[in-house]
Amino acid sequence: MSPPLLKLGAVLSTMAMISNWMSQTLPSLVGLNTTRITTSDTLTQISPKEGWQVYSSAQDPDGRCICTVVAPEQNLCSRDAKSRQLRQLLEKVQNMSQSIEVLNLRTQRDFQYVLKMETQMKGLKAKFRQIEDDRKTLMTKHFQELKEKMDELLPLIPVLEQYKTDAKLITQFKEEIRNLSTVLTGIQEEIGAYDYEELHQRVVNLETRLRDCMKKLTCGKLMKITGPITVKISGTRFGAWMTDPLASEKNNRVWYMDSYTNNKIVREYKSIADFVSGAESRTYNLPFKWAGTNHVVYNGSLYFNKYQSNIIIKYSFDTGRVLAQRSLEYAGFHNVYPYTWGGFSDIDLMADEIGLWAVYATNQNAGNIVISQLDQDTLEVLKSWSTGYPKRSAGESFMICGTLYVTNSHLTGAKVYYSYSTKTSTYEYTDIPFHNQYFHISMLDYNARDRALYAWNNGHQVLFNVTLFHVIKTEDDT
């Protein structure tokens, strides 16, 4: 009986290994043993890939709604990795299914052998009982031989029972693998029966079409402000942070200027992620102190108001030199015509889709806001518009598509209360609320590339989403 025992032992050893492998591997393949990542309720921070979304509605000149454009500032092919993972998982399941099928065939063959052996053992056991009853009539030698054979076979009985149990387990595994393969195939078909290259090309084509559509949109009108998204908590109550709206998509440098006076240090970070983590890449020591918090970075240069003057400075980050400086004629300075929060915020420099702007007040305009478009190279005033809105009554303001939007307060309950269009030289009173989460805004600027508002809110650097209403250009438009 030694050969059958060795053969059966090898089969059962193989079955045990397969069973153990299946119990450990199958859950990991289907995601049952995935470790969950816990989150905390601490400060919300954005990653460099998440960014923020911009929603733009559009209509044609006849007033018919054409489309709603959603343009997220992030990778558009975020599902590619998931598609590859799903395809790899499906391949693993199919390979495992083939291995299970081979094992099943071998198991069925061996199982028939075991069943035959079990029948023989049961018959032998019955004969042995009969012989035992009649052992007085048999020779002692024959009885002893049968007794030894039975002693060898008795341990196989529980082994056979275990073998049958393992055979059933293999059958169950085979059925589960078949079901799992069907489910994964269905999921793959649901997300699209395309390979990675084809799917990537479709996304690229869609992105191109979307950008072409966006180019047909005229400058938008502000309809809604949502947020804020808190990026970081740092610095004093007052300050400014910004990115360059004319920078390339790969250039996401952040500049940080703490306090509204008595400072000349500008800190640079290579990305939003580095800014959040505090990984400073470079420091600039300006030749002059700045006044206020209303600076702007535009086309690689910093534009700021020189302390205790109405002089505007253009400073190049690349060369570390002042490229231009010019006095803004008649502009009040040093808290003569600041925003309601003070802080030497007399002259507000900003940029939008059209270009570079200065917002300030003069005695000649009775302390009301004056809007001037500036030449970005020489700082010469190209054209000015005089409004009727008192500068000292404004919380903060920003430009979008040549229209100045003025908030009524820097405290709670703030909203965009007034707008002035330089295109039509007309104004209107508006009612666009936004959430002043930290109760004291000392800087609020629009970035045309990101289509978002950057704000310094009581020592918090935050972002607001904006919703703009667009009109689609036609061939008749100039």
Protein backbone atom coordinates (compact mmCIF):
# COMPACT_ATOMS: atom_id res chain seq x y z
CA MET A 1 0.00 0.00 0.00
CA SER A 2 3.00 2.35 0.12
CA PRO A 3 2.79 3.62 -3.52
CA PRO A 4 -0.91 4.63 -3.30
CA LEU A 5 -0.21 6.39 -0.02
CA LEU A 6 2.71 8.34 -1.49
CA LYS A 7 0.67 9.32 -4.55
CA LEU A 8 -2.31 10.44 -2.49
CA GLY A 9 -0.05 12.33 -0.09
CA ALA A 10 1.49 14.26 -3.00
CA VAL A 11 -1.96 15.12 -4.35
CA LEU A 12 -3.16 16.34 -0.98
CA SER A 13 0.01 18.36 -0.45
CA THR A 14 -0.55 20.04 -3.82
CA MET A 15 -4.18 20.69 -2.91
CA ALA A 16 -3.16 22.31 0.37
CA MET A 17 -0.69 24.60 -1.40
CA ILE A 18 -3.28 25.60 -4.01
CA SER A 19 -5.93 26.22 -1.35
CA ASN A 20 -3.56 28.37 0.70
CA TRP A 21 -2.49 30.34 -2.40
CA MET A 22 -6.07 30.95 -3.46
CA SER A 23 -7.11 32.14 0.02
CA GLN A 24 -4.26 34.68 0.06
CA THR A 25 -4.17 35.81 -3.57
CA LEU A 26 -7.82 36.01 -4.59
CA PRO A 27 -8.80 38.70 -2.01
CA SER A 28 -5.89 40.91 -3.08
CA LEU A 29 -6.87 40.57 -6.75
CA VAL A 30 -10.45 41.66 -6.15
CA GLY A 31 -9.50 44.38 -3.68
CA LEU A 32 -10.83 42.85 -0.47
CA ASN A 33 -7.65 43.40 1.53
CA THR A 34 -7.01 47.02 0.43
CA THR A 35 -5.87 49.28 3.26
CA ARG A 36 -8.06 52.34 3.66
CA ILE A 37 -6.41 55.72 3.92
CA THR A 38 -7.84 57.74 6.74
CA THR A 39 -8.46 61.46 6.41
CA SER A 40 -8.52 64.14 9.06
CA ASP A 41 -10.63 67.21 9.61
CA THR A 42 -7.64 69.54 9.58
CA LEU A 43 -6.97 72.33 7.09
CA THR A 44 -8.10 71.53 3.55
CA GLN A 45 -5.21 71.73 1.13
CA ILE A 46 -5.22 71.25 -2.61
CA SER A 47 -2.74 69.11 -4.50
CA PRO A 48 -1.06 70.36 -7.64
CA LYS A 49 -3.14 68.01 -9.79
CA GLU A 50 -6.50 68.85 -8.31
CA GLY A 51 -6.60 72.60 -8.90
CA TRP A 52 -9.99 74.17 -9.30
CA GLN A 53 -12.75 74.06 -11.89
CA VAL A 54 -14.26 76.83 -13.95
CA TYR A 55 -17.81 76.71 -15.22
CA SER A 56 -18.75 78.85 -18.22
CA SER A 57 -22.21 79.15 -19.76
CA ALA A 58 -22.56 80.37 -23.33
CA GLN A 59 -25.24 81.60 -25.70
CA ASP A 60 -25.32 82.81 -29.27
CA PRO A 61 -26.15 86.41 -30.33
CA ASP A 62 -29.84 85.49 -30.60
CA GLY A 63 -29.96 84.49 -26.96
CA ARG A 64 -30.14 80.74 -27.51
CA CYS A 65 -28.25 78.58 -25.04
CA ILE A 66 -25.48 76.74 -26.88
CA CYS A 67 -23.37 74.93 -24.35
CA THR A 68 -21.88 74.84 -20.90
CA VAL A 69 -18.12 74.54 -20.87
CA VAL A 70 -16.34 72.89 -17.95
CA ALA A 71 -12.61 73.51 -18.04
CA PRO A 72 -10.76 71.90 -15.11
CA GLU A 73 -7.13 72.89 -14.51
CA GLN A 74 -5.87 69.33 -14.23
CA ASN A 75 -4.87 66.25 -16.23
CA LEU A 76 -7.75 65.25 -18.51
CA CYS A 77 -6.73 61.60 -18.77
CA SER A 78 -7.16 60.73 -15.10
CA ARG A 79 -8.96 57.44 -15.93
CA ASP A 80 -6.14 56.02 -18.04
CA ALA A 81 -4.34 54.51 -15.02
CA LYS A 82 -7.57 52.91 -13.83
CA SER A 83 -8.16 51.45 -17.29
CA ARG A 84 -4.70 49.90 -17.32
CA GLN A 85 -5.16 48.52 -13.80
CA LEU A 86 -8.48 46.98 -14.79
CA ARG A 87 -6.98 45.41 -17.90
CA GLN A 88 -4.07 43.97 -15.87
CA LEU A 89 -6.47 42.64 -13.25
CA LEU A 90 -8.61 41.00 -15.90
CA GLU A 91 -5.53 39.35 -17.43
CA LYS A 92 -4.49 37.99 -14.04
CA VAL A 93 -7.95 36.58 -13.46
CA GLN A 94 -7.99 34.95 -16.91
CA ASN A 95 -4.53 33.41 -16.34
CA MET A 96 -5.63 32.14 -12.96
CA SER A 97 -8.80 30.74 -14.49
CA GLN A 98 -6.72 28.72 -16.98
CA SER A 99 -4.54 27.39 -14.15
CA ILE A 100 -7.62 26.42 -12.17
CA GLU A 101 -9.00 24.60 -15.24
CA VAL A 102 -5.80 22.53 -15.59
CA LEU A 103 -5.83 21.77 -11.88
CA ASN A 104 -9.49 20.81 -12.09
CA LEU A 105 -8.84 18.27 -14.87
CA ARG A 106 -6.01 16.71 -12.92
CA THR A 107 -8.09 16.72 -9.75
CA GLN A 108 -11.02 15.00 -11.45
CA ARG A 109 -8.70 12.26 -12.75
CA ASP A 110 -7.17 11.67 -9.30
CA PHE A 111 -10.58 11.89 -7.70
CA GLN A 112 -11.84 8.97 -9.77
CA TYR A 113 -8.86 6.95 -8.55
CA VAL A 114 -9.63 7.87 -4.93
CA LEU A 115 -13.30 6.95 -5.29
CA LYS A 116 -12.30 3.55 -6.69
CA MET A 117 -9.89 3.05 -3.79
CA GLU A 118 -12.58 4.07 -1.32
CA THR A 119 -14.94 1.42 -2.74
CA GLN A 120 -12.24 -1.22 -2.44
CA MET A 121 -11.53 -0.22 1.14
CA LYS A 122 -15.18 -0.39 2.12
CA GLY A 123 -15.43 -3.88 0.55
CA LEU A 124 -12.26 -4.97 2.29
CA LYS A 125 -13.54 -3.67 5.59
CA ALA A 126 -16.75 -5.70 5.20
CA LYS A 127 -14.75 -8.81 4.38
CA PHE A 128 -12.51 -8.21 7.33
CA ARG A 129 -15.48 -8.06 9.67
CA GLN A 130 -16.74 -11.32 8.22
CA ILE A 131 -13.31 -12.87 8.60
CA GLU A 132 -13.05 -11.60 12.15
CA ASP A 133 -16.35 -13.28 13.00
CA ASP A 134 -15.05 -16.53 11.61
CA ARG A 135 -11.44 -16.11 12.74
CA LYS A 136 -11.66 -19.25 14.85
CA THR A 137 -12.14 -21.26 11.67
CA LEU A 138 -9.29 -19.58 9.75
CA MET A 139 -5.64 -19.99 10.06
CA THR A 140 -3.90 -17.53 12.34
CA LYS A 141 -1.38 -16.62 9.61
CA HIS A 142 -4.04 -15.50 7.10
CA PHE A 143 -5.83 -13.51 9.74
CA GLN A 144 -2.65 -11.66 10.70
CA GLU A 145 -1.96 -10.66 7.07
CA LEU A 146 -5.42 -9.23 6.65
CA LYS A 147 -5.12 -7.40 9.96
CA GLU A 148 -1.90 -5.70 8.82
CA LYS A 149 -3.41 -4.61 5.51
CA MET A 150 -6.39 -3.12 7.32
CA ASP A 151 -4.13 -1.25 9.72
CA GLU A 152 -2.39 0.35 6.74
CA LEU A 153 -5.66 1.38 5.14
CA LEU A 154 -7.47 2.74 8.20
CA PRO A 155 -5.56 6.13 8.26
CA LEU A 156 -6.69 6.76 4.68
CA ILE A 157 -10.35 7.06 5.65
CA PRO A 158 -10.15 10.61 7.18
CA VAL A 159 -7.68 11.58 4.46
CA LEU A 160 -10.19 10.59 1.82
CA GLU A 161 -12.86 12.69 3.51
CA GLN A 162 -10.54 15.71 3.50
CA TYR A 163 -9.67 15.09 -0.15
CA LYS A 164 -13.33 15.18 -1.10
CA THR A 165 -13.71 18.47 0.81
CA ASP A 166 -10.73 19.98 -1.05
CA ALA A 167 -12.12 18.82 -4.36
CA LYS A 168 -15.36 20.65 -3.60
CA LEU A 169 -13.35 23.76 -2.67
CA ILE A 170 -11.57 23.66 -6.04
CA THR A 171 -14.94 23.49 -7.75
CA GLN A 172 -16.16 26.51 -5.76
CA PHE A 173 -13.01 28.47 -6.64
CA LYS A 174 -13.53 27.66 -10.28
CA GLU A 175 -17.09 28.99 -10.17
CA GLU A 176 -16.05 32.16 -8.33
CA ILE A 177 -13.26 32.84 -10.82
CA ARG A 178 -15.71 32.41 -13.68
CA ASN A 179 -18.14 34.89 -12.07
CA LEU A 180 -15.38 37.39 -11.32
CA SER A 181 -14.08 37.23 -14.88
CA THR A 182 -17.58 37.93 -16.19
CA VAL A 183 -17.99 40.94 -13.88
CA LEU A 184 -14.59 42.42 -14.82
CA THR A 185 -15.29 41.95 -18.51
CA GLY A 186 -18.58 43.78 -18.08
CA ILE A 187 -16.87 46.65 -16.28
CA GLN A 188 -14.29 46.92 -19.02
CA GLU A 189 -17.02 47.05 -21.65
CA GLU A 190 -18.89 49.67 -19.60
CA ILE A 191 -15.96 52.11 -19.46
CA GLY A 192 -15.25 51.62 -23.14
CA ALA A 193 -13.84 48.89 -25.30
CA TYR A 194 -10.74 50.86 -26.25
CA ASP A 195 -7.11 50.20 -25.60
CA TYR A 196 -4.98 52.78 -23.81
CA GLU A 197 -3.58 54.43 -26.93
CA GLU A 198 -6.97 54.83 -28.56
CA LEU A 199 -8.54 56.17 -25.37
CA HIS A 200 -5.67 58.63 -24.90
CA GLN A 201 -6.06 59.88 -28.47
CA ARG A 202 -9.78 60.41 -27.96
CA VAL A 203 -9.07 62.51 -24.87
CA VAL A 204 -6.46 64.58 -26.73
CA ASN A 205 -8.91 65.20 -29.58
CA LEU A 206 -11.61 66.21 -27.10
CA GLU A 207 -9.22 68.60 -25.36
CA THR A 208 -8.33 70.20 -28.70
CA ARG A 209 -11.99 70.67 -29.57
CA LEU A 210 -12.65 72.16 -26.14
CA ARG A 211 -9.81 74.65 -26.49
CA ASP A 212 -11.07 75.64 -29.95
CA CYS A 213 -14.50 76.19 -28.44
CA MET A 214 -13.04 78.30 -25.63
CA LYS A 215 -11.25 80.51 -28.18
CA LYS A 216 -14.63 81.39 -29.69
CA LEU A 217 -15.88 82.75 -26.37
CA THR A 218 -15.75 86.48 -25.86
CA CYS A 219 -14.69 87.94 -22.53
CA GLY A 220 -17.11 86.87 -19.85
CA LYS A 221 -19.28 88.69 -17.34
CA LEU A 222 -19.05 87.69 -13.68
CA MET A 223 -22.14 85.75 -12.57
CA LYS A 224 -21.11 83.85 -9.45
CA ILE A 225 -18.27 83.35 -6.94
CA THR A 226 -17.91 80.03 -5.09
CA GLY A 227 -15.49 78.74 -2.49
CA PRO A 228 -13.19 79.45 -0.91
CA ILE A 229 -10.60 76.69 -1.15
CA THR A 230 -8.11 77.13 1.68
CA VAL A 231 -4.60 76.54 0.34
CA LYS A 232 -2.49 77.47 3.35
CA ILE A 233 -2.37 79.36 6.67
CA SER A 234 0.72 81.52 6.98
CA GLY A 235 2.06 85.00 7.60
CA THR A 236 0.39 88.00 9.20
CA ARG A 237 -3.20 89.16 8.77
CA PHE A 238 -2.23 91.13 5.66
CA GLY A 239 -0.29 90.07 2.57
CA ALA A 240 -0.39 88.93 -1.05
CA TRP A 241 0.26 85.76 -3.02
CA MET A 242 -0.06 85.19 -6.75
CA THR A 243 0.90 83.31 -9.91
CA ASP A 244 1.69 84.69 -13.36
CA PRO A 245 -1.39 84.66 -15.68
CA LEU A 246 0.88 84.75 -18.76
CA ALA A 247 3.07 81.84 -17.66
CA SER A 248 3.00 78.56 -19.59
CA GLU A 249 0.91 75.64 -18.37
CA LYS A 250 4.04 73.94 -17.01
CA ASN A 251 5.15 77.05 -15.12
CA ASN A 252 3.21 77.22 -11.85
CA ARG A 253 5.51 79.36 -9.74
CA VAL A 254 3.97 81.08 -6.71
CA TRP A 255 5.14 84.39 -5.22
CA TYR A 256 4.50 85.33 -1.61
CA MET A 257 4.71 88.85 -0.07
CA ASP A 258 3.87 89.06 3.63
CA SER A 259 2.66 92.29 5.29
CA TYR A 260 1.57 95.58 3.69
CA THR A 261 4.63 97.71 4.49
CA ASN A 262 8.18 97.74 5.85
CA ASN A 263 9.15 94.69 3.80
CA LYS A 264 11.23 94.02 0.69
CA ILE A 265 11.40 90.17 0.69
CA VAL A 266 9.57 88.21 -2.01
CA ARG A 267 9.53 84.42 -1.64
CA GLU A 268 9.20 82.14 -4.66
CA TYR A 269 7.92 78.54 -4.83
CA LYS A 270 8.07 76.28 -7.88
CA SER A 271 4.47 75.09 -7.51
CA ILE A 272 1.36 75.22 -5.36
CA ALA A 273 2.47 71.95 -3.75
CA ASP A 274 5.84 73.46 -2.78
CA PHE A 275 4.04 76.54 -1.48
CA VAL A 276 1.81 74.40 0.72
CA SER A 277 4.75 72.37 2.06
CA GLY A 278 6.94 75.46 2.50
CA ALA A 279 9.63 74.29 0.04
CA GLU A 280 10.92 77.73 -0.92
CA SER A 281 12.97 77.80 -4.16
CA ARG A 282 14.25 81.38 -4.22
CA THR A 283 14.16 84.70 -2.33
CA TYR A 284 14.26 88.18 -3.87
CA ASN A 285 15.35 91.30 -1.98
CA LEU A 286 13.64 94.23 -3.70
CA PRO A 287 15.45 97.57 -4.00
CA PHE A 288 12.46 99.37 -2.42
CA LYS A 289 9.86 98.62 0.22
CA TRP A 290 6.34 98.14 -1.07
CA ALA A 291 3.09 99.78 0.02
CA GLY A 292 -0.15 97.85 0.43
CA THR A 293 -0.91 94.32 -0.73
CA ASN A 294 -2.14 95.02 -4.25
CA HIS A 295 0.84 93.83 -6.30
CA VAL A 296 0.70 91.72 -9.45
CA VAL A 297 3.06 89.38 -11.31
CA TYR A 298 2.61 89.74 -15.07
CA ASN A 299 4.72 88.21 -17.85
CA GLY A 300 7.65 87.41 -15.56
CA SER A 301 7.82 90.78 -13.77
CA LEU A 302 6.52 92.08 -10.46
CA TYR A 303 4.57 95.36 -10.45
CA PHE A 304 4.24 97.11 -7.07
CA ASN A 305 3.67 100.50 -5.47
CA LYS A 306 6.82 102.01 -3.96
CA TYR A 307 6.38 102.83 -0.27
CA GLN A 308 5.31 106.43 0.59
CA SER A 309 4.89 107.39 -3.07
CA ASN A 310 2.60 107.04 -6.08
CA ILE A 311 5.46 105.51 -8.09
CA ILE A 312 4.89 102.15 -9.78
CA ILE A 313 7.88 99.80 -10.02
CA LYS A 314 8.42 97.04 -12.60
CA TYR A 315 10.91 94.47 -11.27
CA SER A 316 12.21 91.52 -13.34
CA PHE A 317 12.52 88.18 -11.54
CA ASP A 318 14.89 86.88 -14.24
CA THR A 319 17.43 89.70 -14.03
CA GLY A 320 16.79 90.90 -10.48
CA ARG A 321 16.67 94.48 -11.73
CA VAL A 322 14.14 97.32 -11.93
CA LEU A 323 13.08 97.56 -15.58
CA ALA A 324 10.84 100.63 -15.29
CA GLN A 325 9.32 103.05 -12.77
CA ARG A 326 6.78 105.82 -13.25
CA SER A 327 4.76 108.17 -11.10
CA LEU A 328 0.99 107.68 -11.37
CA GLU A 329 -0.11 111.28 -11.84
CA TYR A 330 -2.48 112.68 -9.19
CA ALA A 331 -2.91 109.27 -7.53
CA GLY A 332 -3.39 109.46 -3.77
CA PHE A 333 -0.97 107.41 -1.66
CA HIS A 334 0.04 106.58 1.93
CA ASN A 335 -3.52 106.00 3.22
CA VAL A 336 -5.07 109.03 1.52
CA TYR A 337 -7.46 106.91 -0.56
CA PRO A 338 -7.11 103.30 0.64
CA TYR A 339 -9.71 100.55 0.65
CA THR A 340 -11.86 100.32 3.79
CA TRP A 341 -9.31 98.14 5.63
CA GLY A 342 -6.50 100.70 5.21
CA GLY A 343 -3.00 99.25 4.93
CA PHE A 344 -1.67 101.80 2.37
CA SER A 345 -3.90 100.15 -0.23
CA ASP A 346 -4.28 103.38 -2.23
CA ILE A 347 -2.98 101.97 -5.55
CA ASP A 348 -4.23 98.57 -6.69
CA LEU A 349 -2.31 96.95 -9.58
CA MET A 350 -4.04 94.11 -11.41
CA ALA A 351 -4.16 92.17 -14.68
CA ASP A 352 -6.87 90.44 -16.71
CA GLU A 353 -7.44 89.06 -20.23
CA ILE A 354 -6.89 92.53 -21.72
CA GLY A 355 -3.73 93.65 -19.95
CA LEU A 356 -2.28 95.59 -17.00
CA TRP A 357 -4.37 98.00 -14.89
CA ALA A 358 -4.06 100.45 -12.01
CA VAL A 359 -7.02 101.31 -9.78
CA TYR A 360 -6.70 104.34 -7.51
CA ALA A 361 -8.35 107.65 -6.56
CA THR A 362 -7.52 111.32 -7.13
CA ASN A 363 -8.53 114.66 -5.69
CA GLN A 364 -9.60 115.68 -9.19
CA ASN A 365 -12.17 112.85 -9.16
CA ALA A 366 -13.30 113.70 -5.61
CA GLY A 367 -11.76 110.56 -4.14
CA ASN A 368 -13.72 108.29 -6.46
CA ILE A 369 -12.12 105.36 -8.24
CA VAL A 370 -10.07 105.94 -11.38
CA ILE A 371 -9.22 103.03 -13.71
CA SER A 372 -6.09 103.33 -15.87
CA GLN A 373 -4.81 100.88 -18.46
CA LEU A 374 -1.00 100.72 -18.38
CA ASP A 375 1.67 99.84 -20.91
CA GLN A 376 3.36 96.79 -19.39
CA ASP A 377 6.82 97.87 -20.61
CA THR A 378 6.92 101.61 -19.95
CA LEU A 379 4.13 101.89 -17.31
CA GLU A 380 2.68 104.76 -19.34
CA VAL A 381 -1.05 105.38 -18.85
CA LEU A 382 -2.76 104.39 -22.12
CA LYS A 383 -6.28 105.45 -21.15
CA SER A 384 -8.22 106.30 -17.98
CA TRP A 385 -11.86 106.06 -16.83
CA SER A 386 -13.31 108.05 -13.94
CA THR A 387 -16.03 106.31 -11.94
CA GLY A 388 -18.40 107.58 -9.31
CA TYR A 389 -17.61 104.98 -6.66
CA PRO A 390 -15.73 106.26 -3.55
CA LYS A 391 -12.43 104.45 -3.18
CA ARG A 392 -12.54 104.52 0.64
CA SER A 393 -15.95 102.75 0.57
CA ALA A 394 -14.65 99.77 -1.38
CA GLY A 395 -13.60 96.57 0.39
CA GLU A 396 -11.41 95.28 -2.48
CA SER A 397 -11.73 95.19 -6.28
CA PHE A 398 -10.54 93.18 -9.29
CA MET A 399 -10.68 93.29 -13.10
CA ILE A 400 -12.18 90.63 -15.41
CA CYS A 401 -12.29 91.22 -19.17
CA GLY A 402 -11.93 95.00 -18.83
CA THR A 403 -14.66 95.34 -16.20
CA LEU A 404 -13.88 96.47 -12.65
CA TYR A 405 -15.77 94.62 -9.91
CA VAL A 406 -15.91 96.34 -6.52
CA THR A 407 -16.80 94.64 -3.22
CA ASN A 408 -18.79 96.53 -0.59
CA SER A 409 -16.77 95.34 2.41
CA HIS A 410 -13.64 93.48 3.52
CA LEU A 411 -15.53 91.93 6.47
CA THR A 412 -18.41 89.42 6.79
CA GLY A 413 -21.36 89.78 4.45
CA ALA A 414 -19.11 90.92 1.62
CA LYS A 415 -20.42 90.87 -1.93
CA VAL A 416 -19.61 92.31 -5.34
CA TYR A 417 -21.72 95.44 -5.19
CA TYR A 418 -20.64 97.54 -8.18
CA SER A 419 -19.12 97.04 -11.63
CA TYR A 420 -17.75 99.41 -14.24
CA SER A 421 -17.19 98.41 -17.89
CA THR A 422 -14.29 100.15 -19.64
CA LYS A 423 -15.66 98.88 -22.96
CA THR A 424 -18.94 100.80 -22.66
CA SER A 425 -17.91 103.35 -19.97
CA THR A 426 -21.01 102.41 -17.98
CA TYR A 427 -21.60 101.07 -14.48
CA GLU A 428 -24.21 98.99 -12.73
CA TYR A 429 -24.97 97.87 -9.19
CA THR A 430 -24.72 94.13 -8.69
CA ASP A 431 -25.46 91.62 -5.95
CA ILE A 432 -22.96 88.73 -6.14
CA PRO A 433 -22.25 87.37 -2.64
CA PHE A 434 -19.22 85.28 -1.70
CA HIS A 435 -18.15 83.54 1.48
CA ASN A 436 -15.69 85.63 3.51
CA GLN A 437 -14.76 82.62 5.63
CA TYR A 438 -12.04 84.23 7.77
CA PHE A 439 -13.69 87.65 8.13
CA HIS A 440 -10.96 90.01 6.85
CA ILE A 441 -9.89 90.21 3.20
CA SER A 442 -6.84 92.37 2.48
CA MET A 443 -6.11 91.16 -1.08
CA LEU A 444 -8.41 89.93 -3.87
CA ASP A 445 -7.09 89.52 -7.43
CA TYR A 446 -8.30 87.71 -10.56
CA ASN A 447 -5.98 85.38 -12.50
CA ALA A 448 -7.04 85.05 -16.15
CA ARG A 449 -5.06 81.82 -16.76
CA ASP A 450 -6.53 80.00 -13.75
CA ARG A 451 -9.88 81.82 -14.00
CA ALA A 452 -9.92 82.12 -10.23
CA LEU A 453 -9.67 84.78 -7.52
CA TYR A 454 -6.59 84.74 -5.30
CA ALA A 455 -7.26 86.12 -1.82
CA TRP A 456 -5.45 86.80 1.45
CA ASN A 457 -8.08 86.30 4.13
CA ASN A 458 -6.87 87.03 7.66
CA GLY A 459 -3.63 85.05 7.33
CA HIS A 460 -5.22 82.40 5.08
CA GLN A 461 -4.25 82.03 1.43
CA VAL A 462 -7.44 81.00 -0.39
CA LEU A 463 -8.88 80.59 -3.89
CA PHE A 464 -12.37 81.36 -5.19
CA ASN A 465 -13.96 79.85 -8.31
CA VAL A 466 -15.71 82.25 -10.66
CA THR A 467 -18.59 81.59 -13.04
CA LEU A 468 -18.51 83.77 -16.15
CA PHE A 469 -21.23 84.33 -18.73
CA HIS A 470 -19.86 84.24 -22.28
CA VAL A 471 -21.20 85.07 -25.71
CA ILE A 472 -19.94 82.91 -28.60
CA LYS A 473 -18.09 84.85 -31.30
CA THR A 474 -19.52 84.76 -34.82
CA GLU A 475 -17.76 85.43 -38.09
CA ASP A 476 -19.42 88.86 -38.18
CA ASP A 477 -17.79 89.90 -34.88
CA THR A 478 -14.69 92.03 -35.16
